[in-house]
Amino acid sequence: MMYEYWLSAIRPLSDKKKRLLREEYGDGKTIYNIEEIHLRFLNFLESRDVDTILRSKKEWEIEKCWEKLQEQGIRMIPYFSEEYPKKLTNISQPPYALYVKGSLPRENQVSVAIVGARRCTHYGEQIALEYGEALASEGIQIISGMARGIDGAGQRGALNAGGATYGVLGCGVDICYPRENIGLYMDIQQKGGIISEQIPGQPPLPAYFPERNRIISGLADVVLVIEAKEKSGSLITADMALEQGKDVYALPGPVTSSMSQGCHRLIRQGAGILISPEDLLIELGINIVNQGQIIDKNEKVLESTENMVYSCLGLFPKGMSQLLEETGLNVQELLEQLITLEMKGYVKEISKNYYVKLR
């Protein structure tokens, strides 16, 4: 397999040409040992392609590189392996190989991609967390890009529910990007897997992120776009999903919010509208076994006054003046209830005297 690793890593030779080489000669070792004159006669290789192959043979210490890959706990899954995801064989330009830390998504389980803006609103982040948790609790695998914002929130929600989630990176799987998600990066490897078509050590370059989006949509059965601007990488993922024949759902938001413009465009074009995780599960044909438990938990834990204050809050921030009017409480009483709810993890003060619901 180490010669297959060498072939997979040749840059900038295209995956298509690598496949043609393998079809011509059978395996990576034969390609490595073929004489230059034979490569020059292949009509699908240009002169610069042959130069690239010859240069890589000189630069690569094959055994050393392969041993390092093993030491890092990284698996290489080429397109001809039985482990290679069948879902990816049907997409446009399937990757020649995948590099994996952890595991790959199970073929016999439903997979849902949760994608969206990096600089998302608190509303979008909480919705992504909620969907990730609710879907994963029903055995659905969550696919995303481990980016800050919506991606990371959806995957963290899946982990909170004890579910499986898979991060598709725009760099080598040995690199945590963004670095701030190092905790998420480590946790995903234990409950799912980190996946990339880029060779280990490859840095996160801008061109790699649109490319990896076809893998995110390819591994998923359904794609959810939580928040996205009019021009967004998430819309690229949605477009690729539609090309692959996948269902796409989008979350509506305020018409004045730039973070919802991309979602509203998708809805106008016919995407499904995300109302609640429960509604989505029903559309996916999955029986909801935990719904009643979640409702009972909130009802039992909260006292009547706490519940009144909690019910007045939503995922959009509300200020003290509005809450005073809606609850009929005085300032001292309202502050006591908000502090109690915040300590219990039900609300959060996101700016001075402005609160949002967390669950």
Protein backbone atom coordinates (compact mmCIF):
# COMPACT_ATOMS: atom_id res chain seq x y z
CA MET A 1 0.00 0.00 0.00
CA MET A 2 2.95 2.36 0.45
CA TYR A 3 3.33 2.70 -3.33
CA GLU A 4 -0.38 3.57 -3.55
CA TYR A 5 0.30 6.26 -0.96
CA TRP A 6 3.10 7.65 -3.12
CA LEU A 7 0.82 7.69 -6.19
CA SER A 8 -2.01 9.34 -4.27
CA ALA A 9 0.33 12.07 -3.02
CA ILE A 10 1.75 13.16 -6.40
CA ARG A 11 0.96 16.83 -6.96
CA PRO A 12 -0.35 18.38 -9.15
CA LEU A 13 -1.21 15.18 -11.08
CA SER A 14 -5.01 14.94 -11.27
CA ASP A 15 -6.99 12.12 -9.68
CA LYS A 16 -8.34 11.21 -13.12
CA LYS A 17 -4.84 10.66 -14.49
CA LYS A 18 -3.85 8.65 -11.43
CA ARG A 19 -6.81 6.35 -12.06
CA LEU A 20 -5.85 5.99 -15.73
CA LEU A 21 -2.29 5.10 -14.72
CA ARG A 22 -3.55 2.46 -12.34
CA GLU A 23 -5.91 1.03 -14.97
CA GLU A 24 -2.96 0.87 -17.39
CA TYR A 25 -0.43 -0.78 -15.06
CA GLY A 26 -2.46 -2.41 -12.29
CA ASP A 27 -0.87 -1.07 -9.09
CA GLY A 28 1.26 1.68 -7.60
CA LYS A 29 4.45 -0.39 -7.34
CA THR A 30 4.44 -1.16 -11.07
CA ILE A 31 3.87 2.54 -11.85
CA TYR A 32 6.76 3.49 -9.55
CA ASN A 33 9.14 1.11 -11.33
CA ILE A 34 8.04 1.83 -14.91
CA GLU A 35 10.69 3.32 -17.17
CA GLU A 36 10.40 6.94 -18.27
CA ILE A 37 10.11 6.06 -21.96
CA HIS A 38 6.90 4.12 -21.34
CA LEU A 39 5.37 7.03 -19.46
CA ARG A 40 6.26 9.38 -22.35
CA PHE A 41 4.24 7.24 -24.75
CA LEU A 42 1.00 7.41 -22.75
CA ASN A 43 -1.41 9.69 -24.62
CA PHE A 44 -3.22 10.87 -21.46
CA LEU A 45 -0.02 12.20 -19.85
CA GLU A 46 1.54 15.50 -20.86
CA SER A 47 5.28 16.04 -20.70
CA ARG A 48 4.94 18.04 -17.48
CA ASP A 49 2.92 15.17 -15.91
CA VAL A 50 5.78 12.75 -16.58
CA ASP A 51 8.25 15.28 -15.14
CA THR A 52 6.09 15.54 -12.01
CA ILE A 53 6.02 11.75 -11.57
CA LEU A 54 9.79 11.43 -12.04
CA ARG A 55 10.46 14.28 -9.62
CA SER A 56 8.23 12.73 -6.95
CA LYS A 57 10.18 9.44 -7.22
CA LYS A 58 13.38 11.31 -6.42
CA GLU A 59 11.92 13.42 -3.62
CA TRP A 60 9.85 10.80 -1.81
CA GLU A 61 11.37 8.40 0.72
CA ILE A 62 8.55 5.92 0.31
CA GLU A 63 9.20 3.59 3.25
CA LYS A 64 9.90 6.46 5.66
CA CYS A 65 6.75 8.36 4.61
CA TRP A 66 4.61 5.23 4.91
CA GLU A 67 5.97 4.45 8.39
CA LYS A 68 5.21 7.99 9.52
CA LEU A 69 1.62 7.62 8.30
CA GLN A 70 1.23 4.45 10.36
CA GLU A 71 2.75 6.08 13.44
CA GLN A 72 0.23 8.92 13.21
CA GLY A 73 -2.66 6.46 13.22
CA ILE A 74 -3.83 7.63 9.80
CA ARG A 75 -5.50 5.19 7.43
CA MET A 76 -5.40 5.62 3.66
CA ILE A 77 -8.55 4.41 1.86
CA PRO A 78 -8.01 4.42 -1.95
CA TYR A 79 -10.96 4.36 -4.36
CA PHE A 80 -10.49 0.65 -5.12
CA SER A 81 -10.63 -0.39 -1.44
CA GLU A 82 -13.72 -2.18 -0.10
CA GLU A 83 -13.78 0.41 2.70
CA TYR A 84 -14.13 3.32 0.27
CA PRO A 85 -17.60 4.89 0.80
CA LYS A 86 -20.00 3.73 -1.91
CA LYS A 87 -21.80 7.06 -1.73
CA LEU A 88 -18.69 8.81 -3.05
CA THR A 89 -18.41 6.59 -6.11
CA ASN A 90 -21.48 8.30 -7.57
CA ILE A 91 -20.37 11.92 -7.19
CA SER A 92 -18.60 14.09 -9.73
CA GLN A 93 -14.81 13.77 -9.36
CA PRO A 94 -14.66 11.28 -6.47
CA PRO A 95 -11.37 11.59 -4.56
CA TYR A 96 -8.64 9.12 -5.48
CA ALA A 97 -8.15 8.34 -1.79
CA LEU A 98 -9.36 9.38 1.64
CA TYR A 99 -7.20 9.81 4.71
CA VAL A 100 -8.92 8.99 7.97
CA LYS A 101 -8.28 9.37 11.69
CA GLY A 102 -10.97 7.38 13.43
CA SER A 103 -13.63 5.74 11.29
CA LEU A 104 -15.73 6.36 8.20
CA PRO A 105 -19.54 6.83 8.31
CA ARG A 106 -21.50 3.59 8.33
CA GLU A 107 -23.13 2.88 5.00
CA ASN A 108 -26.29 1.42 6.56
CA GLN A 109 -27.06 4.46 8.75
CA VAL A 110 -28.68 7.74 7.73
CA SER A 111 -26.22 10.65 7.50
CA VAL A 112 -27.18 14.33 7.63
CA ALA A 113 -24.83 17.22 6.86
CA ILE A 114 -25.19 20.36 8.97
CA VAL A 115 -23.45 23.35 7.37
CA GLY A 116 -23.58 27.10 7.63
CA ALA A 117 -21.83 30.35 8.34
CA ARG A 118 -18.62 30.62 10.32
CA ARG A 119 -19.58 34.04 11.70
CA CYS A 120 -23.06 32.93 12.65
CA THR A 121 -25.56 34.51 15.00
CA HIS A 122 -26.27 33.13 18.44
CA TYR A 123 -29.65 32.02 17.06
CA GLY A 124 -28.01 29.99 14.29
CA GLU A 125 -25.44 28.45 16.61
CA GLN A 126 -28.09 27.27 19.05
CA ILE A 127 -30.27 25.85 16.28
CA ALA A 128 -27.30 23.93 14.85
CA LEU A 129 -26.51 22.56 18.32
CA GLU A 130 -30.16 21.58 18.77
CA TYR A 131 -30.42 19.79 15.42
CA GLY A 132 -27.11 18.01 15.91
CA GLU A 133 -28.18 16.74 19.32
CA ALA A 134 -31.72 15.77 18.32
CA LEU A 135 -30.72 13.94 15.14
CA ALA A 136 -27.77 12.14 16.70
CA SER A 137 -29.92 10.97 19.61
CA GLU A 138 -32.01 9.10 17.01
CA GLY A 139 -28.97 7.35 15.54
CA ILE A 140 -28.36 9.75 12.64
CA GLN A 141 -24.71 10.40 11.73
CA ILE A 142 -23.76 14.09 11.48
CA ILE A 143 -21.39 15.18 8.69
CA SER A 144 -19.77 18.62 8.59
CA GLY A 145 -16.55 20.54 8.06
CA MET A 146 -15.52 21.16 11.70
CA ALA A 147 -15.35 24.89 10.96
CA ARG A 148 -16.07 27.51 13.58
CA GLY A 149 -19.69 28.58 13.80
CA ILE A 150 -22.51 26.38 12.48
CA ASP A 151 -20.38 23.37 11.49
CA GLY A 152 -18.74 23.02 14.87
CA ALA A 153 -22.00 23.64 16.76
CA GLY A 154 -23.83 20.90 14.86
CA GLN A 155 -21.03 18.43 15.51
CA ARG A 156 -20.76 19.38 19.17
CA GLY A 157 -24.50 18.78 19.50
CA ALA A 158 -24.06 15.28 18.06
CA LEU A 159 -21.30 14.54 20.57
CA ASN A 160 -23.43 15.88 23.43
CA ALA A 161 -26.04 13.27 22.51
CA GLY A 162 -23.44 10.50 22.42
CA GLY A 163 -23.82 10.20 18.65
CA ALA A 164 -21.37 9.79 15.77
CA THR A 165 -20.07 12.72 13.76
CA TYR A 166 -17.52 13.07 10.97
CA GLY A 167 -15.42 16.12 10.10
CA VAL A 168 -14.31 16.60 6.49
CA LEU A 169 -11.30 18.91 6.44
CA GLY A 170 -9.76 21.19 3.83
CA CYS A 171 -6.27 20.20 4.98
CA GLY A 172 -4.45 17.07 6.12
CA VAL A 173 -6.16 15.05 8.85
CA ASP A 174 -3.12 15.56 11.08
CA ILE A 175 -3.83 19.29 11.20
CA CYS A 176 -6.57 20.75 13.40
CA TYR A 177 -8.13 23.70 11.60
CA PRO A 178 -9.27 26.00 13.04
CA ARG A 179 -6.92 25.50 15.98
CA GLU A 180 -9.56 26.73 18.42
CA ASN A 181 -11.54 23.53 17.71
CA ILE A 182 -8.81 21.23 19.03
CA GLY A 183 -11.16 19.78 21.66
CA LEU A 184 -13.78 19.03 19.03
CA TYR A 185 -11.10 17.58 16.74
CA MET A 186 -9.98 15.13 19.42
CA ASP A 187 -13.53 14.18 20.48
CA ILE A 188 -14.66 13.49 16.91
CA GLN A 189 -11.89 10.93 16.48
CA GLN A 190 -13.31 8.99 19.44
CA LYS A 191 -16.97 9.09 18.32
CA GLY A 192 -16.59 9.21 14.53
CA GLY A 193 -13.77 10.28 12.29
CA ILE A 194 -11.68 13.04 10.73
CA ILE A 195 -11.60 12.72 6.93
CA SER A 196 -9.73 14.45 4.10
CA GLU A 197 -8.66 13.88 0.52
CA GLN A 198 -5.57 16.01 1.19
CA ILE A 199 -2.39 14.17 2.14
CA PRO A 200 -1.21 14.48 5.76
CA GLY A 201 0.76 17.64 6.37
CA GLN A 202 -1.07 19.58 3.67
CA PRO A 203 -1.95 23.04 5.06
CA PRO A 204 -5.47 24.55 4.86
CA LEU A 205 -5.40 26.42 1.54
CA PRO A 206 -8.45 28.44 0.34
CA ALA A 207 -8.90 26.29 -2.79
CA TYR A 208 -9.30 23.11 -0.74
CA PHE A 209 -12.47 24.17 1.08
CA PRO A 210 -14.84 24.40 -1.92
CA GLU A 211 -13.37 21.07 -3.10
CA ARG A 212 -14.07 19.30 0.17
CA ASN A 213 -17.72 20.42 0.09
CA ARG A 214 -18.51 17.76 -2.54
CA ILE A 215 -17.33 15.13 -0.04
CA ILE A 216 -19.51 16.54 2.75
CA SER A 217 -22.61 16.45 0.53
CA GLY A 218 -21.52 13.15 -1.00
CA LEU A 219 -21.34 11.37 2.35
CA ALA A 220 -24.69 12.80 3.47
CA ASP A 221 -28.19 11.67 2.58
CA VAL A 222 -29.64 15.09 3.43
CA VAL A 223 -28.04 18.54 3.76
CA LEU A 224 -29.20 21.17 6.26
CA VAL A 225 -28.14 24.79 5.76
CA ILE A 226 -28.62 26.63 9.05
CA GLU A 227 -27.34 30.12 8.20
CA ALA A 228 -25.64 31.41 5.06
CA LYS A 229 -25.01 34.71 3.35
CA GLU A 230 -25.98 35.30 -0.28
CA LYS A 231 -22.49 34.22 -1.36
CA SER A 232 -21.41 31.40 0.89
CA GLY A 233 -19.46 28.15 0.84
CA SER A 234 -22.51 26.52 2.39
CA LEU A 235 -24.46 27.27 -0.78
CA ILE A 236 -21.76 25.49 -2.76
CA THR A 237 -22.37 22.44 -0.59
CA ALA A 238 -26.13 22.77 -1.15
CA ASP A 239 -25.69 23.09 -4.93
CA MET A 240 -23.47 20.01 -4.98
CA ALA A 241 -26.02 18.10 -2.91
CA LEU A 242 -28.75 18.96 -5.42
CA GLU A 243 -26.52 17.84 -8.29
CA GLN A 244 -26.03 14.56 -6.43
CA GLY A 245 -29.80 14.12 -6.04
CA LYS A 246 -29.85 14.84 -2.30
CA ASP A 247 -32.57 16.69 -0.39
CA VAL A 248 -31.63 20.13 0.93
CA TYR A 249 -33.32 21.94 3.82
CA ALA A 250 -32.75 25.53 4.93
CA LEU A 251 -33.51 27.44 8.11
CA PRO A 252 -35.58 30.61 7.66
CA GLY A 253 -34.54 33.67 9.63
CA PRO A 254 -35.25 37.41 9.88
CA VAL A 255 -35.64 39.04 6.47
CA THR A 256 -33.36 41.82 7.70
CA SER A 257 -30.51 39.44 8.57
CA SER A 258 -27.70 39.02 6.01
CA MET A 259 -26.97 35.65 7.61
CA SER A 260 -30.32 34.33 6.39
CA GLN A 261 -30.23 35.61 2.79
CA GLY A 262 -28.62 32.44 1.45
CA CYS A 263 -31.16 30.25 3.23
CA HIS A 264 -34.06 32.31 1.91
CA ARG A 265 -32.67 31.96 -1.61
CA LEU A 266 -32.56 28.18 -1.22
CA ILE A 267 -36.14 28.16 0.06
CA ARG A 268 -37.30 30.22 -2.94
CA GLN A 269 -35.60 27.66 -5.17
CA GLY A 270 -37.52 24.81 -3.56
CA ALA A 271 -35.45 23.69 -0.56
CA GLY A 272 -37.32 22.21 2.38
CA ILE A 273 -38.01 24.52 5.32
CA LEU A 274 -36.59 23.56 8.70
CA ILE A 275 -39.33 23.95 11.32
CA SER A 276 -38.09 21.66 14.09
CA PRO A 277 -35.88 18.59 14.50
CA GLU A 278 -38.98 16.54 15.23
CA ASP A 279 -40.62 17.54 11.93
CA LEU A 280 -37.43 16.70 10.05
CA LEU A 281 -37.21 13.28 11.70
CA ILE A 282 -40.79 12.57 10.66
CA GLU A 283 -39.97 13.56 7.06
CA LEU A 284 -36.97 11.24 7.19
CA GLY A 285 -39.27 8.44 8.34
CA ILE A 286 -37.59 8.04 11.74
CA ASN A 287 -39.61 7.30 14.88
CA ILE A 288 -38.97 9.81 17.64
CA VAL A 289 -38.21 8.00 20.88
CA ASN A 290 -36.73 10.81 23.00
CA GLN A 291 -39.13 13.68 22.32
CA GLY A 292 -41.28 13.08 25.38
CA GLN A 293 -38.25 12.79 27.64
CA ILE A 294 -36.96 16.23 26.63
CA ILE A 295 -40.31 17.91 27.30
CA ASP A 296 -40.73 16.18 30.66
CA LYS A 297 -37.25 17.25 31.76
CA ASN A 298 -38.00 20.96 31.32
CA GLU A 299 -41.40 20.70 32.94
CA LYS A 300 -40.12 18.90 36.05
CA VAL A 301 -36.98 20.97 36.65
CA LEU A 302 -38.40 24.49 36.32
CA GLU A 303 -40.58 26.12 38.97
CA SER A 304 -43.69 27.98 37.83
CA THR A 305 -42.18 31.50 37.90
CA GLU A 306 -38.98 30.27 36.28
CA ASN A 307 -41.03 28.54 33.60
CA MET A 308 -42.97 31.76 32.91
CA VAL A 309 -39.73 33.72 32.39
CA TYR A 310 -38.21 30.90 30.36
CA SER A 311 -41.27 30.70 28.08
CA CYS A 312 -40.96 34.42 27.30
CA LEU A 313 -37.46 33.94 25.92
CA GLY A 314 -36.47 32.68 22.50
CA LEU A 315 -33.38 32.29 20.37
CA PHE A 316 -33.45 36.00 19.50
CA PRO A 317 -32.20 38.26 22.34
CA LYS A 318 -34.73 40.06 24.54
CA GLY A 319 -33.92 43.02 26.77
CA MET A 320 -34.94 43.60 30.37
CA SER A 321 -37.59 46.19 29.49
CA GLN A 322 -39.41 43.78 27.17
CA LEU A 323 -39.19 40.93 29.70
CA LEU A 324 -40.49 43.16 32.51
CA GLU A 325 -43.52 44.03 30.38
CA GLU A 326 -44.19 40.41 29.31
CA THR A 327 -43.75 38.78 32.75
CA GLY A 328 -45.28 41.46 34.98
CA LEU A 329 -42.45 40.95 37.49
CA ASN A 330 -40.49 43.75 39.12
CA VAL A 331 -36.78 44.24 38.36
CA GLN A 332 -35.53 42.38 41.44
CA GLU A 333 -37.82 39.38 40.87
CA LEU A 334 -36.95 39.16 37.19
CA LEU A 335 -33.19 39.34 37.83
CA GLU A 336 -33.44 36.56 40.44
CA GLN A 337 -35.26 34.30 37.98
CA LEU A 338 -32.83 35.04 35.14
CA ILE A 339 -29.81 34.34 37.36
CA THR A 340 -31.34 31.04 38.48
CA LEU A 341 -32.15 30.03 34.91
CA GLU A 342 -28.64 30.96 33.79
CA MET A 343 -27.10 28.88 36.58
CA LYS A 344 -29.23 25.90 35.49
CA GLY A 345 -28.07 26.33 31.90
CA TYR A 346 -31.43 27.35 30.43
CA VAL A 347 -30.65 30.95 29.45
CA LYS A 348 -27.62 33.08 28.66
CA GLU A 349 -26.90 36.81 28.94
CA ILE A 350 -25.25 37.52 25.59
CA SER A 351 -24.81 41.25 26.20
CA LYS A 352 -25.66 43.64 29.02
CA ASN A 353 -29.27 42.86 30.10
CA TYR A 354 -30.07 40.90 26.92
CA TYR A 355 -30.96 37.22 27.25
CA VAL A 356 -31.61 34.22 25.01
CA LYS A 357 -33.01 30.73 25.55
CA LEU A 358 -30.42 27.91 25.38
CA ARG A 359 -32.63 24.81 25.10
